[in-house]
Amino acid sequence: EARKSGSKLLVINSSKGDALVDNRYA
């Protein structure tokens, strides 16, 4: 989508605060 529109891409990967053990936090 960003390539087609020439838009900037904002990637959000968050954690509620347990980032060290949160397997959904990159």
PDB file of all heavy atoms in Angstrom:
ATOM      1  N   GLU A   1       0.834  -1.210   0.000  1.00  0.00           N
ATOM      2  CA  GLU A   1       0.000   0.000   0.000  1.00  0.00           C
ATOM      3  C   GLU A   1       0.866   1.257   0.000  1.00  0.00           C
ATOM      4  O   GLU A   1       0.564   2.228  -0.701  1.00  0.00           O
ATOM      5  CB  GLU A   1      -0.947   0.000   1.204  1.00  0.00           C
ATOM      6  CG  GLU A   1      -1.956  -1.130   1.220  1.00  0.00           C
ATOM      7  CD  GLU A   1      -2.905  -1.114   0.039  1.00  0.00           C
ATOM      8  OE1 GLU A   1      -3.315  -0.020  -0.406  1.00  0.00           O
ATOM      9  OE2 GLU A   1      -3.251  -2.211  -0.456  1.00  0.00           O
ATOM     10  N   ALA A   2       1.949   1.259   0.773  1.00  0.00           N
ATOM     11  CA  ALA A   2       2.845   2.419   0.831  1.00  0.00           C
ATOM     12  C   ALA A   2       3.555   2.627  -0.505  1.00  0.00           C
ATOM     13  O   ALA A   2       3.732   3.766  -0.953  1.00  0.00           O
ATOM     14  CB  ALA A   2       3.860   2.248   1.956  1.00  0.00           C
ATOM     15  N   ARG A   3       3.941   1.533  -1.153  1.00  0.00           N
ATOM     16  CA  ARG A   3       4.591   1.647  -2.465  1.00  0.00           C
ATOM     17  C   ARG A   3       3.636   2.225  -3.498  1.00  0.00           C
ATOM     18  O   ARG A   3       4.026   3.068  -4.309  1.00  0.00           O
ATOM     19  CB  ARG A   3       5.107   0.289  -2.919  1.00  0.00           C
ATOM     20  CG  ARG A   3       6.313  -0.175  -2.113  1.00  0.00           C
ATOM     21  CD  ARG A   3       6.755  -1.542  -2.476  1.00  0.00           C
ATOM     22  NE  ARG A   3       7.248  -1.573  -3.846  1.00  0.00           N
ATOM     23  CZ  ARG A   3       7.437  -2.681  -4.552  1.00  0.00           C
ATOM     24  NH1 ARG A   3       7.162  -3.844  -4.037  1.00  0.00           N
ATOM     25  NH2 ARG A   3       7.896  -2.618  -5.776  1.00  0.00           N
ATOM     26  N   LYS A   4       2.379   1.780  -3.481  1.00  0.00           N
ATOM     27  CA  LYS A   4       1.396   2.263  -4.456  1.00  0.00           C
ATOM     28  C   LYS A   4       1.092   3.746  -4.270  1.00  0.00           C
ATOM     29  O   LYS A   4       0.937   4.477  -5.235  1.00  0.00           O
ATOM     30  CB  LYS A   4       0.085   1.472  -4.344  1.00  0.00           C
ATOM     31  CG  LYS A   4       0.157   0.084  -4.935  1.00  0.00           C
ATOM     32  CD  LYS A   4      -1.217  -0.543  -5.072  1.00  0.00           C
ATOM     33  CE  LYS A   4      -1.752  -0.989  -3.746  1.00  0.00           C
ATOM     34  NZ  LYS A   4      -2.987  -1.788  -3.847  1.00  0.00           N
ATOM     35  N   SER A   5       0.996   4.182  -3.016  1.00  0.00           N
ATOM     36  CA  SER A   5       0.566   5.552  -2.743  1.00  0.00           C
ATOM     37  C   SER A   5       1.721   6.519  -2.482  1.00  0.00           C
ATOM     38  O   SER A   5       1.511   7.724  -2.416  1.00  0.00           O
ATOM     39  CB  SER A   5      -0.383   5.570  -1.538  1.00  0.00           C
ATOM     40  OG  SER A   5       0.305   5.171  -0.366  1.00  0.00           O
ATOM     41  N   GLY A   6       2.924   5.988  -2.298  1.00  0.00           N
ATOM     42  CA  GLY A   6       4.064   6.840  -1.969  1.00  0.00           C
ATOM     43  C   GLY A   6       3.992   7.377  -0.556  1.00  0.00           C
ATOM     44  O   GLY A   6       4.617   8.384  -0.221  1.00  0.00           O
ATOM     45  N   SER A   7       3.230   6.695   0.296  1.00  0.00           N
ATOM     46  CA  SER A   7       3.024   7.146   1.676  1.00  0.00           C
ATOM     47  C   SER A   7       4.141   6.701   2.607  1.00  0.00           C
ATOM     48  O   SER A   7       4.838   5.713   2.348  1.00  0.00           O
ATOM     49  CB  SER A   7       1.695   6.595   2.210  1.00  0.00           C
ATOM     50  OG  SER A   7       0.626   7.071   1.454  1.00  0.00           O
ATOM     51  N   LYS A   8       4.263   7.415   3.691  1.00  0.00           N
ATOM     52  CA  LYS A   8       5.155   7.038   4.776  1.00  0.00           C
ATOM     53  C   LYS A   8       4.492   5.889   5.528  1.00  0.00           C
ATOM     54  O   LYS A   8       3.269   5.854   5.665  1.00  0.00           O
ATOM     55  CB  LYS A   8       5.370   8.228   5.708  1.00  0.00           C
ATOM     56  CG  LYS A   8       6.302   7.967   6.860  1.00  0.00           C
ATOM     57  CD  LYS A   8       6.501   9.238   7.664  1.00  0.00           C
ATOM     58  CE  LYS A   8       7.551   9.049   8.727  1.00  0.00           C
ATOM     59  NZ  LYS A   8       7.832  10.344   9.401  1.00  0.00           N
ATOM     60  N   LEU A   9       5.293   4.958   6.040  1.00  0.00           N
ATOM     61  CA  LEU A   9       4.775   3.823   6.792  1.00  0.00           C
ATOM     62  C   LEU A   9       5.197   3.941   8.246  1.00  0.00           C
ATOM     63  O   LEU A   9       6.379   4.103   8.539  1.00  0.00           O
ATOM     64  CB  LEU A   9       5.289   2.520   6.183  1.00  0.00           C
ATOM     65  CG  LEU A   9       4.709   1.228   6.727  1.00  0.00           C
ATOM     66  CD1 LEU A   9       3.196   1.187   6.555  1.00  0.00           C
ATOM     67  CD2 LEU A   9       5.340   0.039   6.021  1.00  0.00           C
ATOM     68  N   LEU A  10       4.219   3.891   9.131  1.00  0.00           N
ATOM     69  CA  LEU A  10       4.472   3.928  10.565  1.00  0.00           C
ATOM     70  C   LEU A  10       4.144   2.557  11.131  1.00  0.00           C
ATOM     71  O   LEU A  10       2.986   2.127  11.123  1.00  0.00           O
ATOM     72  CB  LEU A  10       3.614   5.006  11.232  1.00  0.00           C
ATOM     73  CG  LEU A  10       3.660   5.108  12.751  1.00  0.00           C
ATOM     74  CD1 LEU A  10       5.086   5.294  13.260  1.00  0.00           C
ATOM     75  CD2 LEU A  10       2.769   6.247  13.223  1.00  0.00           C
ATOM     76  N   VAL A  11       5.159   1.843  11.594  1.00  0.00           N
ATOM     77  CA  VAL A  11       5.007   0.504  12.145  1.00  0.00           C
ATOM     78  C   VAL A  11       4.875   0.618  13.659  1.00  0.00           C
ATOM     79  O   VAL A  11       5.757   1.180  14.319  1.00  0.00           O
ATOM     80  CB  VAL A  11       6.212  -0.393  11.791  1.00  0.00           C
ATOM     81  CG1 VAL A  11       6.057  -1.789  12.384  1.00  0.00           C
ATOM     82  CG2 VAL A  11       6.432  -0.452  10.285  1.00  0.00           C
ATOM     83  N   ILE A  12       3.772   0.102  14.202  1.00  0.00           N
ATOM     84  CA  ILE A  12       3.541   0.128  15.646  1.00  0.00           C
ATOM     85  C   ILE A  12       3.616  -1.292  16.187  1.00  0.00           C
ATOM     86  O   ILE A  12       2.862  -2.177  15.771  1.00  0.00           O
ATOM     87  CB  ILE A  12       2.159   0.734  15.991  1.00  0.00           C
ATOM     88  CG1 ILE A  12       2.025   2.154  15.454  1.00  0.00           C
ATOM     89  CG2 ILE A  12       1.907   0.669  17.500  1.00  0.00           C
ATOM     90  CD1 ILE A  12       2.951   3.166  16.106  1.00  0.00           C
ATOM     91  N   ASN A  13       4.525  -1.512  17.126  1.00  0.00           N
ATOM     92  CA  ASN A  13       4.662  -2.784  17.838  1.00  0.00           C
ATOM     93  C   ASN A  13       4.781  -2.427  19.307  1.00  0.00           C
ATOM     94  O   ASN A  13       5.774  -1.865  19.728  1.00  0.00           O
ATOM     95  CB  ASN A  13       5.894  -3.544  17.348  1.00  0.00           C
ATOM     96  CG  ASN A  13       6.193  -4.772  18.189  1.00  0.00           C
ATOM     97  OD1 ASN A  13       7.187  -4.809  18.891  1.00  0.00           O
ATOM     98  ND2 ASN A  13       5.336  -5.768  18.124  1.00  0.00           N
ATOM     99  N   SER A  14       3.739  -2.703  20.075  1.00  0.00           N
ATOM    100  CA  SER A  14       3.712  -2.209  21.445  1.00  0.00           C
ATOM    101  C   SER A  14       3.619  -3.328  22.476  1.00  0.00           C
ATOM    102  O   SER A  14       3.339  -4.480  22.150  1.00  0.00           O
ATOM    103  CB  SER A  14       2.522  -1.260  21.631  1.00  0.00           C
ATOM    104  OG  SER A  14       1.315  -1.977  21.511  1.00  0.00           O
ATOM    105  N   SER A  15       3.854  -2.937  23.718  1.00  0.00           N
ATOM    106  CA  SER A  15       3.689  -3.829  24.858  1.00  0.00           C
ATOM    107  C   SER A  15       3.077  -3.021  25.985  1.00  0.00           C
ATOM    108  O   SER A  15       3.343  -1.827  26.124  1.00  0.00           O
ATOM    109  CB  SER A  15       5.044  -4.394  25.300  1.00  0.00           C
ATOM    110  OG  SER A  15       4.888  -5.192  26.456  1.00  0.00           O
ATOM    111  N   LYS A  16       2.255  -3.674  26.791  1.00  0.00           N
ATOM    112  CA  LYS A  16       1.637  -2.980  27.927  1.00  0.00           C
ATOM    113  C   LYS A  16       2.648  -2.659  29.025  1.00  0.00           C
ATOM    114  O   LYS A  16       2.353  -1.929  29.941  1.00  0.00           O
ATOM    115  CB  LYS A  16       0.515  -3.825  28.514  1.00  0.00           C
ATOM    116  CG  LYS A  16      -0.746  -3.808  27.711  1.00  0.00           C
ATOM    117  CD  LYS A  16      -1.836  -4.545  28.463  1.00  0.00           C
ATOM    118  CE  LYS A  16      -3.155  -4.413  27.774  1.00  0.00           C
ATOM    119  NZ  LYS A  16      -4.224  -5.081  28.519  1.00  0.00           N
ATOM    120  N   GLY A  17       3.833  -3.213  28.942  1.00  0.00           N
ATOM    121  CA  GLY A  17       4.838  -2.918  29.945  1.00  0.00           C
ATOM    122  C   GLY A  17       5.697  -4.117  30.291  1.00  0.00           C
ATOM    123  O   GLY A  17       6.652  -4.014  31.035  1.00  0.00           O
ATOM    124  N   ASP A  18       5.364  -5.256  29.745  1.00  0.00           N
ATOM    125  CA  ASP A  18       6.131  -6.467  30.024  1.00  0.00           C
ATOM    126  C   ASP A  18       6.929  -6.894  28.793  1.00  0.00           C
ATOM    127  O   ASP A  18       6.965  -8.049  28.415  1.00  0.00           O
ATOM    128  CB  ASP A  18       5.211  -7.587  30.486  1.00  0.00           C
ATOM    129  CG  ASP A  18       4.020  -7.819  29.545  1.00  0.00           C
ATOM    130  OD1 ASP A  18       3.886  -7.060  28.561  1.00  0.00           O
ATOM    131  OD2 ASP A  18       3.251  -8.748  29.795  1.00  0.00           O
ATOM    132  N   ALA A  19       7.586  -5.926  28.168  1.00  0.00           N
ATOM    133  CA  ALA A  19       8.266  -6.145  26.886  1.00  0.00           C
ATOM    134  C   ALA A  19       9.320  -7.251  26.959  1.00  0.00           C
ATOM    135  O   ALA A  19       9.561  -7.934  25.962  1.00  0.00           O
ATOM    136  CB  ALA A  19       8.912  -4.847  26.401  1.00  0.00           C
ATOM    137  N   LEU A  20       9.924  -7.455  28.109  1.00  0.00           N
ATOM    138  CA  LEU A  20      10.971  -8.474  28.223  1.00  0.00           C
ATOM    139  C   LEU A  20      10.422  -9.888  28.085  1.00  0.00           C
ATOM    140  O   LEU A  20      11.137 -10.796  27.685  1.00  0.00           O
ATOM    141  CB  LEU A  20      11.721  -8.326  29.544  1.00  0.00           C
ATOM    142  CG  LEU A  20      12.529  -7.040  29.691  1.00  0.00           C
ATOM    143  CD1 LEU A  20      13.156  -6.961  31.070  1.00  0.00           C
ATOM    144  CD2 LEU A  20      13.591  -6.946  28.608  1.00  0.00           C
ATOM    145  N   VAL A  21       9.159 -10.089  28.414  1.00  0.00           N
ATOM    146  CA  VAL A  21       8.563 -11.427  28.339  1.00  0.00           C
ATOM    147  C   VAL A  21       7.371 -11.490  27.390  1.00  0.00           C
ATOM    148  O   VAL A  21       6.727 -12.525  27.266  1.00  0.00           O
ATOM    149  CB  VAL A  21       8.139 -11.934  29.734  1.00  0.00           C
ATOM    150  CG1 VAL A  21       9.353 -12.133  30.627  1.00  0.00           C
ATOM    151  CG2 VAL A  21       7.138 -10.998  30.377  1.00  0.00           C
ATOM    152  N   ASP A  22       7.080 -10.396  26.714  1.00  0.00           N
ATOM    153  CA  ASP A  22       5.938 -10.320  25.805  1.00  0.00           C
ATOM    154  C   ASP A  22       6.357 -10.847  24.433  1.00  0.00           C
ATOM    155  O   ASP A  22       7.120 -10.196  23.725  1.00  0.00           O
ATOM    156  CB  ASP A  22       5.466  -8.867  25.702  1.00  0.00           C
ATOM    157  CG  ASP A  22       4.206  -8.692  24.886  1.00  0.00           C
ATOM    158  OD1 ASP A  22       3.766  -9.661  24.236  1.00  0.00           O
ATOM    159  OD2 ASP A  22       3.660  -7.573  24.897  1.00  0.00           O
ATOM    160  N   ASN A  23       5.852 -12.037  24.045  1.00  0.00           N
ATOM    161  CA  ASN A  23       6.275 -12.626  22.774  1.00  0.00           C
ATOM    162  C   ASN A  23       5.691 -11.906  21.567  1.00  0.00           C
ATOM    163  O   ASN A  23       6.043 -12.191  20.436  1.00  0.00           O
ATOM    164  CB  ASN A  23       5.958 -14.121  22.715  1.00  0.00           C
ATOM    165  CG  ASN A  23       4.478 -14.413  22.794  1.00  0.00           C
ATOM    166  OD1 ASN A  23       3.655 -13.511  22.958  1.00  0.00           O
ATOM    167  ND2 ASN A  23       4.137 -15.683  22.697  1.00  0.00           N
ATOM    168  N   ARG A  24       4.802 -10.942  21.797  1.00  0.00           N
ATOM    169  CA  ARG A  24       4.254 -10.141  20.694  1.00  0.00           C
ATOM    170  C   ARG A  24       5.041  -8.831  20.516  1.00  0.00           C
ATOM    171  O   ARG A  24       4.743  -8.042  19.628  1.00  0.00           O
ATOM    172  CB  ARG A  24       2.772  -9.868  20.942  1.00  0.00           C
ATOM    173  CG  ARG A  24       1.978 -11.202  20.984  1.00  0.00           C
ATOM    174  CD  ARG A  24       0.533 -11.038  21.332  1.00  0.00           C
ATOM    175  NE  ARG A  24      -0.225 -10.325  20.333  1.00  0.00           N
ATOM    176  CZ  ARG A  24      -0.709 -10.853  19.206  1.00  0.00           C
ATOM    177  NH1 ARG A  24      -0.494 -12.117  18.925  1.00  0.00           N
ATOM    178  NH2 ARG A  24      -1.416 -10.119  18.373  1.00  0.00           N
ATOM    179  N   TYR A  25       6.034  -8.618  21.354  1.00  0.00           N
ATOM    180  CA  TYR A  25       6.896  -7.441  21.265  1.00  0.00           C
ATOM    181  C   TYR A  25       8.158  -7.848  20.521  1.00  0.00           C
ATOM    182  O   TYR A  25       8.889  -8.747  20.946  1.00  0.00           O
ATOM    183  CB  TYR A  25       7.232  -6.939  22.671  1.00  0.00           C
ATOM    184  CG  TYR A  25       7.862  -5.569  22.714  1.00  0.00           C
ATOM    185  CD1 TYR A  25       7.107  -4.428  22.462  1.00  0.00           C
ATOM    186  CD2 TYR A  25       9.200  -5.409  23.026  1.00  0.00           C
ATOM    187  CE1 TYR A  25       7.662  -3.167  22.517  1.00  0.00           C
ATOM    188  CE2 TYR A  25       9.772  -4.149  23.084  1.00  0.00           C
ATOM    189  CZ  TYR A  25       9.001  -3.034  22.829  1.00  0.00           C
ATOM    190  OH  TYR A  25       9.557  -1.782  22.880  1.00  0.00           O
ATOM    191  N   ALA A  26       8.406  -7.219  19.382  1.00  0.00           N
ATOM    192  CA  ALA A  26       9.545  -7.590  18.539  1.00  0.00           C
ATOM    193  C   ALA A  26      10.868  -7.289  19.244  1.00  0.00           C
ATOM    194  O   ALA A  26      11.037  -6.228  19.843  1.00  0.00           O
ATOM    195  CB  ALA A  26       9.464  -6.848  17.217  1.00  0.00           C
TER     196      ALA A  26
END
